[in-house]
Amino acid sequence: MLKQFYFSIDLSYQEFLPYYQGQIHSIVATTKQGVRVQFPAVHLRKYVTSNGIQGYFCLNTENNKFLSLIKLA
């Protein structure tokens, strides 16, 4: 079953650094509906700027498996 989860992330560059370096492997985020989702941090690397990661994202899964992560805003 395909599911979509919407959440915001606001991490400074320093806060995200351990994830980027692979010291921490998973991100746990809470959706606007209060559902906690966990996914590999590597999928956020393309969204890192000198300010870190800020934005509103959509996580797409199927049968609890990662499909995609899209930055919406």
Protein backbone atom coordinates (compact mmCIF):
# COMPACT_ATOMS: atom_id res chain seq x y z
CA MET A 1 0.00 0.00 0.00
CA LEU A 2 1.35 3.39 -1.04
CA LYS A 3 1.52 5.95 1.78
CA GLN A 4 2.60 9.57 1.91
CA PHE A 5 3.88 11.36 4.99
CA TYR A 6 4.27 15.15 5.21
CA PHE A 7 6.63 16.82 7.68
CA SER A 8 8.92 19.80 8.20
CA ILE A 9 12.63 19.69 8.92
CA ASP A 10 14.67 22.55 10.33
CA LEU A 11 18.23 21.49 11.12
CA SER A 12 21.29 23.73 11.10
CA TYR A 13 24.37 22.61 9.20
CA GLN A 14 26.05 21.65 12.49
CA GLU A 15 23.00 19.67 13.64
CA PHE A 16 22.89 17.71 10.36
CA LEU A 17 26.66 17.11 10.14
CA PRO A 18 26.66 13.75 12.02
CA TYR A 19 23.94 12.49 9.64
CA TYR A 20 25.85 13.75 6.60
CA GLN A 21 29.07 12.09 7.80
CA GLY A 22 27.28 8.79 8.36
CA GLN A 23 27.72 8.79 12.14
CA ILE A 24 23.92 8.70 12.49
CA HIS A 25 22.11 6.66 9.86
CA SER A 26 18.40 7.38 10.33
CA ILE A 27 16.19 10.43 10.59
CA VAL A 28 13.06 10.30 12.73
CA ALA A 29 10.46 12.93 11.93
CA THR A 30 6.95 13.55 13.21
CA THR A 31 4.29 14.31 10.63
CA LYS A 32 1.68 17.03 11.01
CA GLN A 33 -0.74 14.23 12.04
CA GLY A 34 1.58 13.10 14.85
CA VAL A 35 2.88 9.94 13.12
CA ARG A 36 6.58 9.21 13.66
CA VAL A 37 8.43 8.13 10.51
CA GLN A 38 12.01 6.91 10.19
CA PHE A 39 14.09 6.81 7.00
CA PRO A 40 17.77 6.70 5.96
CA ALA A 41 19.46 10.09 6.42
CA VAL A 42 21.35 9.66 3.15
CA HIS A 43 18.17 10.69 1.30
CA LEU A 44 18.43 14.21 2.74
CA ARG A 45 21.98 14.89 1.54
CA LYS A 46 20.88 16.47 -1.74
CA TYR A 47 18.89 19.08 0.22
CA VAL A 48 21.77 20.27 2.44
CA THR A 49 22.85 23.89 2.06
CA SER A 50 25.34 25.97 4.01
CA ASN A 51 22.43 26.76 6.36
CA GLY A 52 21.57 23.08 6.90
CA ILE A 53 18.23 21.58 5.92
CA GLN A 54 15.01 23.52 6.10
CA GLY A 55 11.78 22.68 4.35
CA TYR A 56 8.53 20.79 4.03
CA PHE A 57 8.90 17.26 2.70
CA CYS A 58 6.80 14.37 1.43
CA LEU A 59 8.03 10.84 2.15
CA ASN A 60 6.56 8.18 -0.14
CA THR A 61 6.55 4.56 1.01
CA GLU A 62 5.06 1.29 -0.14
CA ASN A 63 4.63 -1.57 2.32
CA ASN A 64 6.82 0.37 4.78
CA LYS A 65 9.69 0.57 2.25
CA PHE A 66 11.22 3.89 1.18
CA LEU A 67 10.25 5.00 -2.32
CA SER A 68 11.11 8.70 -2.49
CA LEU A 69 11.59 11.92 -0.57
CA ILE A 70 10.45 15.15 -2.20
CA LYS A 71 11.04 18.68 -0.92
CA LEU A 72 7.81 20.61 -1.41
CA ALA A 73 8.81 23.98 0.01
